[in-house]
Amino acid sequence: MKLLLTSAGLSTEKIKKEFLKLIGRPTKEIKILFIPTAGNLKNDKSYIERDKNDLIRLGILKENLIEYDLDRINENIDFEDIDAIFIEGGNTFYLLKRVRETGFDKKIIDLVKRGVVYIGVSAGSILAGPNIETASPFDNNITNLKDLTSLNLTSLIISPHFTNKNEIKIKQLENESKYKLIRLTDSQALLIINNKIKVI
């Protein structure tokens, strides 16, 4: 299992290096399944284009960046050749709802078990944990989700975009949760390889 959970994508040179090392293939051969769905309700989607451009600047071919929007399913996607799945930020509640409704939660778990690298950005990072509790103070639960159980690829819960001004809200969540909570600033990422964990 290989997870790279970020606040703001490949925001530093260290995170970019770990990303490439994690996949371990020449950049021109890397194929990435890119999931923008969490951002579909956002007015400003510039961060999605920024993340795509970051990947292309690393040397990944544009045609190997395969967009897979859970609101517009493309049945012709070949999952066999995918090296990484990149799940964007946005509204975490909406992302979890669409992942469940499409059955894509099971597909993600299957891909990760097969060795496909999971890269999360903000909502995508929260989704990898046991639940999406840390989204509650910051995202609107526009879907009225009651069951916040998520993918459970890790028992750690990510709190992205952490700043000191959020500490009171985060501390309250931490005290109420039975899981370990990891705070990540926009220049940090959490690397998980099987049972080894490292903050970048």
C-alpha atoms as a PDB file:
ATOM      1  CA  MET A   1       0.000   0.000   0.000  1.00  0.00           C
ATOM      2  CA  LYS A   2       1.379   3.373  -1.046  1.00  0.00           C
ATOM      3  CA  LEU A   3      -0.332   6.602  -0.053  1.00  0.00           C
ATOM      4  CA  LEU A   4       0.798  10.210  -0.497  1.00  0.00           C
ATOM      5  CA  LEU A   5      -1.659  12.430   1.343  1.00  0.00           C
ATOM      6  CA  THR A   6      -1.245  16.170   0.816  1.00  0.00           C
ATOM      7  CA  SER A   7      -2.929  19.448   1.683  1.00  0.00           C
ATOM      8  CA  ALA A   8      -2.153  21.240  -1.568  1.00  0.00           C
ATOM      9  CA  GLY A   9      -0.870  18.677  -4.057  1.00  0.00           C
ATOM     10  CA  LEU A  10       2.736  18.549  -5.216  1.00  0.00           C
ATOM     11  CA  SER A  11       3.423  21.901  -3.580  1.00  0.00           C
ATOM     12  CA  THR A  12       7.135  21.475  -2.766  1.00  0.00           C
ATOM     13  CA  GLU A  13      10.179  19.944  -4.449  1.00  0.00           C
ATOM     14  CA  LYS A  14      10.446  17.352  -1.651  1.00  0.00           C
ATOM     15  CA  ILE A  15       6.865  16.191  -2.210  1.00  0.00           C
ATOM     16  CA  LYS A  16       7.448  15.998  -5.980  1.00  0.00           C
ATOM     17  CA  LYS A  17      10.577  13.870  -5.462  1.00  0.00           C
ATOM     18  CA  GLU A  18       8.758  11.491  -3.097  1.00  0.00           C
ATOM     19  CA  PHE A  19       5.904  11.207  -5.580  1.00  0.00           C
ATOM     20  CA  LEU A  20       8.235  10.170  -8.418  1.00  0.00           C
ATOM     21  CA  LYS A  21      10.188   7.818  -6.154  1.00  0.00           C
ATOM     22  CA  LEU A  22       6.957   6.215  -4.985  1.00  0.00           C
ATOM     23  CA  ILE A  23       5.877   5.374  -8.531  1.00  0.00           C
ATOM     24  CA  GLY A  24       9.373   4.370  -9.597  1.00  0.00           C
ATOM     25  CA  ARG A  25       8.919   4.541 -13.374  1.00  0.00           C
ATOM     26  CA  PRO A  26      10.199   6.930 -16.054  1.00  0.00           C
ATOM     27  CA  THR A  27       7.865   9.943 -16.061  1.00  0.00           C
ATOM     28  CA  LYS A  28       6.886   9.461 -19.716  1.00  0.00           C
ATOM     29  CA  GLU A  29       5.539   6.005 -18.873  1.00  0.00           C
ATOM     30  CA  ILE A  30       3.514   7.037 -15.810  1.00  0.00           C
ATOM     31  CA  LYS A  31      -0.272   6.851 -16.196  1.00  0.00           C
ATOM     32  CA  ILE A  32      -2.424   8.727 -13.695  1.00  0.00           C
ATOM     33  CA  LEU A  33      -6.161   8.441 -13.109  1.00  0.00           C
ATOM     34  CA  PHE A  34      -7.168  12.005 -12.200  1.00  0.00           C
ATOM     35  CA  ILE A  35     -10.385  12.442 -10.159  1.00  0.00           C
ATOM     36  CA  PRO A  36     -11.586  16.097 -10.098  1.00  0.00           C
ATOM     37  CA  THR A  37     -15.087  15.369  -8.716  1.00  0.00           C
ATOM     38  CA  ALA A  38     -14.718  17.027  -5.286  1.00  0.00           C
ATOM     39  CA  GLY A  39     -14.180  20.359  -7.048  1.00  0.00           C
ATOM     40  CA  ASN A  40     -17.331  20.196  -9.171  1.00  0.00           C
ATOM     41  CA  LEU A  41     -19.259  22.432  -6.771  1.00  0.00           C
ATOM     42  CA  LYS A  42     -16.498  25.043  -6.516  1.00  0.00           C
ATOM     43  CA  ASN A  43     -16.705  28.294  -8.464  1.00  0.00           C
ATOM     44  CA  ASP A  44     -12.925  28.584  -8.603  1.00  0.00           C
ATOM     45  CA  LYS A  45     -11.395  25.441 -10.096  1.00  0.00           C
ATOM     46  CA  SER A  46      -7.994  26.979 -10.822  1.00  0.00           C
ATOM     47  CA  TYR A  47      -6.306  24.671  -8.285  1.00  0.00           C
ATOM     48  CA  ILE A  48      -7.344  21.658 -10.381  1.00  0.00           C
ATOM     49  CA  GLU A  49      -5.635  23.059 -13.473  1.00  0.00           C
ATOM     50  CA  ARG A  50      -2.606  23.958 -11.347  1.00  0.00           C
ATOM     51  CA  ASP A  51      -2.294  20.364 -10.131  1.00  0.00           C
ATOM     52  CA  LYS A  52      -2.632  18.992 -13.668  1.00  0.00           C
ATOM     53  CA  ASN A  53       0.052  21.408 -14.870  1.00  0.00           C
ATOM     54  CA  ASP A  54       2.341  20.394 -11.970  1.00  0.00           C
ATOM     55  CA  LEU A  55       2.094  16.777 -13.108  1.00  0.00           C
ATOM     56  CA  ILE A  56       2.768  17.677 -16.742  1.00  0.00           C
ATOM     57  CA  ARG A  57       5.762  19.825 -15.746  1.00  0.00           C
ATOM     58  CA  LEU A  58       7.200  16.781 -13.991  1.00  0.00           C
ATOM     59  CA  GLY A  59       7.320  15.081 -17.386  1.00  0.00           C
ATOM     60  CA  ILE A  60       4.071  13.135 -17.334  1.00  0.00           C
ATOM     61  CA  LEU A  61       2.532  13.088 -20.804  1.00  0.00           C
ATOM     62  CA  LYS A  62      -0.762  14.921 -21.180  1.00  0.00           C
ATOM     63  CA  GLU A  63      -2.371  11.864 -22.759  1.00  0.00           C
ATOM     64  CA  ASN A  64      -1.316   9.781 -19.722  1.00  0.00           C
ATOM     65  CA  LEU A  65      -3.231  12.079 -17.375  1.00  0.00           C
ATOM     66  CA  ILE A  66      -6.616  10.378 -17.616  1.00  0.00           C
ATOM     67  CA  GLU A  67      -9.480  12.430 -16.205  1.00  0.00           C
ATOM     68  CA  TYR A  68     -12.212  10.357 -14.584  1.00  0.00           C
ATOM     69  CA  ASP A  69     -15.024  12.525 -13.268  1.00  0.00           C
ATOM     70  CA  LEU A  70     -17.479  10.560 -11.120  1.00  0.00           C
ATOM     71  CA  ASP A  71     -20.260  12.884 -12.328  1.00  0.00           C
ATOM     72  CA  ARG A  72     -19.572  11.939 -15.961  1.00  0.00           C
ATOM     73  CA  ILE A  73     -18.467   8.313 -15.968  1.00  0.00           C
ATOM     74  CA  ASN A  74     -16.305   7.187 -18.871  1.00  0.00           C
ATOM     75  CA  GLU A  75     -16.851   3.467 -19.331  1.00  0.00           C
ATOM     76  CA  ASN A  76     -13.851   3.146 -21.656  1.00  0.00           C
ATOM     77  CA  ILE A  77     -11.198   3.654 -18.977  1.00  0.00           C
ATOM     78  CA  ASP A  78      -8.653   0.843 -18.755  1.00  0.00           C
ATOM     79  CA  PHE A  79      -7.705   0.540 -15.090  1.00  0.00           C
ATOM     80  CA  GLU A  80      -5.091  -2.143 -15.708  1.00  0.00           C
ATOM     81  CA  ASP A  81      -2.313   0.241 -16.772  1.00  0.00           C
ATOM     82  CA  ILE A  82      -2.828   2.865 -14.060  1.00  0.00           C
ATOM     83  CA  ASP A  83       0.221   3.694 -11.897  1.00  0.00           C
ATOM     84  CA  ALA A  84      -1.439   6.242  -9.623  1.00  0.00           C
ATOM     85  CA  ILE A  85      -4.836   7.600  -8.714  1.00  0.00           C
ATOM     86  CA  PHE A  86      -4.889  11.333  -7.977  1.00  0.00           C
ATOM     87  CA  ILE A  87      -7.958  12.463  -6.018  1.00  0.00           C
ATOM     88  CA  GLU A  88      -8.500  16.205  -5.969  1.00  0.00           C
ATOM     89  CA  GLY A  89      -9.716  18.540  -3.269  1.00  0.00           C
ATOM     90  CA  GLY A  90     -13.043  20.310  -2.977  1.00  0.00           C
ATOM     91  CA  ASN A  91     -16.115  19.392  -0.942  1.00  0.00           C
ATOM     92  CA  THR A  92     -15.309  16.237   1.042  1.00  0.00           C
ATOM     93  CA  PHE A  93     -18.944  15.337   1.712  1.00  0.00           C
ATOM     94  CA  TYR A  94     -19.829  15.517  -1.973  1.00  0.00           C
ATOM     95  CA  LEU A  95     -16.757  13.460  -2.882  1.00  0.00           C
ATOM     96  CA  LEU A  96     -17.661  10.712  -0.417  1.00  0.00           C
ATOM     97  CA  LYS A  97     -21.270  10.673  -1.653  1.00  0.00           C
ATOM     98  CA  ARG A  98     -20.253  10.282  -5.316  1.00  0.00           C
ATOM     99  CA  VAL A  99     -17.580   7.691  -4.536  1.00  0.00           C
ATOM    100  CA  ARG A 100     -20.207   5.600  -2.752  1.00  0.00           C
ATOM    101  CA  GLU A 101     -23.018   6.107  -5.277  1.00  0.00           C
ATOM    102  CA  THR A 102     -20.843   5.048  -8.202  1.00  0.00           C
ATOM    103  CA  GLY A 103     -19.278   2.114  -6.349  1.00  0.00           C
ATOM    104  CA  PHE A 104     -15.904   3.687  -7.025  1.00  0.00           C
ATOM    105  CA  ASP A 105     -14.939   3.283  -3.357  1.00  0.00           C
ATOM    106  CA  LYS A 106     -14.497  -0.446  -3.998  1.00  0.00           C
ATOM    107  CA  LYS A 107     -12.516   0.241  -7.182  1.00  0.00           C
ATOM    108  CA  ILE A 108     -10.124   2.575  -5.312  1.00  0.00           C
ATOM    109  CA  ILE A 109      -9.513  -0.013  -2.586  1.00  0.00           C
ATOM    110  CA  ASP A 110      -8.903  -2.685  -5.240  1.00  0.00           C
ATOM    111  CA  LEU A 111      -6.432  -0.462  -7.124  1.00  0.00           C
ATOM    112  CA  VAL A 112      -4.490   0.418  -3.966  1.00  0.00           C
ATOM    113  CA  LYS A 113      -4.300  -3.242  -2.937  1.00  0.00           C
ATOM    114  CA  ARG A 114      -2.847  -3.984  -6.386  1.00  0.00           C
ATOM    115  CA  GLY A 115      -0.044  -1.490  -5.765  1.00  0.00           C
ATOM    116  CA  VAL A 116      -1.467   1.604  -7.471  1.00  0.00           C
ATOM    117  CA  VAL A 117      -0.233   4.739  -5.687  1.00  0.00           C
ATOM    118  CA  TYR A 118      -2.948   6.845  -4.018  1.00  0.00           C
ATOM    119  CA  ILE A 119      -2.348  10.609  -4.084  1.00  0.00           C
ATOM    120  CA  GLY A 120      -4.806  12.753  -2.180  1.00  0.00           C
ATOM    121  CA  VAL A 121      -5.214  16.504  -2.180  1.00  0.00           C
ATOM    122  CA  SER A 122      -7.173  17.971   0.748  1.00  0.00           C
ATOM    123  CA  ALA A 123     -10.597  16.245   0.435  1.00  0.00           C
ATOM    124  CA  GLY A 124      -8.877  13.402  -1.411  1.00  0.00           C
ATOM    125  CA  SER A 125      -6.504  12.971   1.535  1.00  0.00           C
ATOM    126  CA  ILE A 126      -9.301  13.015   4.102  1.00  0.00           C
ATOM    127  CA  LEU A 127     -11.168  10.390   2.040  1.00  0.00           C
ATOM    128  CA  ALA A 128      -8.317   7.890   2.530  1.00  0.00           C
ATOM    129  CA  GLY A 129      -8.897   7.737   6.303  1.00  0.00           C
ATOM    130  CA  PRO A 130     -11.496   5.866   8.355  1.00  0.00           C
ATOM    131  CA  ASN A 131     -13.961   8.767   8.233  1.00  0.00           C
ATOM    132  CA  ILE A 132     -14.229  12.382   7.089  1.00  0.00           C
ATOM    133  CA  GLU A 133     -14.788  13.976  10.523  1.00  0.00           C
ATOM    134  CA  THR A 134     -12.121  16.635   9.996  1.00  0.00           C
ATOM    135  CA  ALA A 135     -14.072  18.110   7.071  1.00  0.00           C
ATOM    136  CA  SER A 136     -17.001  19.018   9.324  1.00  0.00           C
ATOM    137  CA  PRO A 137     -15.834  22.444  10.543  1.00  0.00           C
ATOM    138  CA  PHE A 138     -14.615  23.553   7.108  1.00  0.00           C
ATOM    139  CA  ASP A 139     -16.856  22.003   4.403  1.00  0.00           C
ATOM    140  CA  ASN A 140     -20.621  22.365   4.134  1.00  0.00           C
ATOM    141  CA  ASN A 141     -22.375  19.020   4.412  1.00  0.00           C
ATOM    142  CA  ILE A 142     -24.537  19.873   1.413  1.00  0.00           C
ATOM    143  CA  THR A 143     -25.352  16.196   0.853  1.00  0.00           C
ATOM    144  CA  ASN A 144     -26.697  15.725   4.402  1.00  0.00           C
ATOM    145  CA  LEU A 145     -24.498  12.658   4.865  1.00  0.00           C
ATOM    146  CA  LYS A 146     -24.978  10.988   8.228  1.00  0.00           C
ATOM    147  CA  ASP A 147     -22.533   8.114   7.776  1.00  0.00           C
ATOM    148  CA  LEU A 148     -19.081   9.703   7.459  1.00  0.00           C
ATOM    149  CA  THR A 149     -17.222   6.385   7.078  1.00  0.00           C
ATOM    150  CA  SER A 150     -14.710   6.626   4.248  1.00  0.00           C
ATOM    151  CA  LEU A 151     -12.150   4.369   2.527  1.00  0.00           C
ATOM    152  CA  ASN A 152     -10.189   3.289   5.616  1.00  0.00           C
ATOM    153  CA  LEU A 153      -6.964   2.862   3.646  1.00  0.00           C
ATOM    154  CA  THR A 154      -5.287   4.209   6.780  1.00  0.00           C
ATOM    155  CA  SER A 155      -6.431   4.541  10.390  1.00  0.00           C
ATOM    156  CA  LEU A 156      -5.057   8.095  10.433  1.00  0.00           C
ATOM    157  CA  ILE A 157      -7.292  11.104   9.884  1.00  0.00           C
ATOM    158  CA  ILE A 158      -5.835  14.010   7.919  1.00  0.00           C
ATOM    159  CA  SER A 159      -6.528  17.641   8.762  1.00  0.00           C
ATOM    160  CA  PRO A 160      -5.330  19.548   5.672  1.00  0.00           C
ATOM    161  CA  HIS A 161      -4.526  23.277   5.309  1.00  0.00           C
ATOM    162  CA  PHE A 162      -3.598  23.427   8.972  1.00  0.00           C
ATOM    163  CA  THR A 163      -2.776  26.795  10.519  1.00  0.00           C
ATOM    164  CA  ASN A 164      -2.566  27.802  14.164  1.00  0.00           C
ATOM    165  CA  LYS A 165      -5.863  29.681  13.937  1.00  0.00           C
ATOM    166  CA  ASN A 166      -7.608  26.329  13.279  1.00  0.00           C
ATOM    167  CA  GLU A 167      -6.085  24.629  16.311  1.00  0.00           C
ATOM    168  CA  ILE A 168      -9.074  25.073  18.632  1.00  0.00           C
ATOM    169  CA  LYS A 169     -11.476  23.411  16.163  1.00  0.00           C
ATOM    170  CA  ILE A 170      -8.969  20.680  15.332  1.00  0.00           C
ATOM    171  CA  LYS A 171      -8.197  19.987  18.999  1.00  0.00           C
ATOM    172  CA  GLN A 172     -11.898  19.552  19.713  1.00  0.00           C
ATOM    173  CA  LEU A 173     -12.206  17.059  16.841  1.00  0.00           C
ATOM    174  CA  GLU A 174      -9.103  15.267  18.071  1.00  0.00           C
ATOM    175  CA  ASN A 175     -10.506  14.929  21.586  1.00  0.00           C
ATOM    176  CA  GLU A 176     -13.774  13.516  20.243  1.00  0.00           C
ATOM    177  CA  SER A 177     -12.188  11.081  17.797  1.00  0.00           C
ATOM    178  CA  LYS A 178     -10.977   7.559  18.500  1.00  0.00           C
ATOM    179  CA  TYR A 179      -8.438   7.888  15.678  1.00  0.00           C
ATOM    180  CA  LYS A 180      -5.072   9.621  15.496  1.00  0.00           C
ATOM    181  CA  LEU A 181      -5.306  12.972  13.739  1.00  0.00           C
ATOM    182  CA  ILE A 182      -2.466  14.333  11.593  1.00  0.00           C
ATOM    183  CA  ARG A 183      -2.245  18.074  10.938  1.00  0.00           C
ATOM    184  CA  LEU A 184      -0.777  19.009   7.548  1.00  0.00           C
ATOM    185  CA  THR A 185       0.119  22.500   6.374  1.00  0.00           C
ATOM    186  CA  ASP A 186      -0.008  23.356   2.674  1.00  0.00           C
ATOM    187  CA  SER A 187       3.700  22.568   2.355  1.00  0.00           C
ATOM    188  CA  GLN A 188       3.465  19.150   4.015  1.00  0.00           C
ATOM    189  CA  ALA A 189       2.388  15.647   2.998  1.00  0.00           C
ATOM    190  CA  LEU A 190       2.003  12.321   4.740  1.00  0.00           C
ATOM    191  CA  LEU A 191       3.758   9.384   3.102  1.00  0.00           C
ATOM    192  CA  ILE A 192       2.490   5.905   4.001  1.00  0.00           C
ATOM    193  CA  ILE A 193       4.180   2.812   2.592  1.00  0.00           C
ATOM    194  CA  ASN A 194       2.577  -0.274   4.119  1.00  0.00           C
ATOM    195  CA  ASN A 195       3.068   0.345   7.860  1.00  0.00           C
ATOM    196  CA  LYS A 196       5.795   2.984   7.538  1.00  0.00           C
ATOM    197  CA  ILE A 197       4.674   6.583   8.022  1.00  0.00           C
ATOM    198  CA  LYS A 198       6.614   9.776   7.358  1.00  0.00           C
ATOM    199  CA  VAL A 199       5.686  13.454   7.266  1.00  0.00           C
ATOM    200  CA  ILE A 200       7.359  15.258   4.365  1.00  0.00           C
END
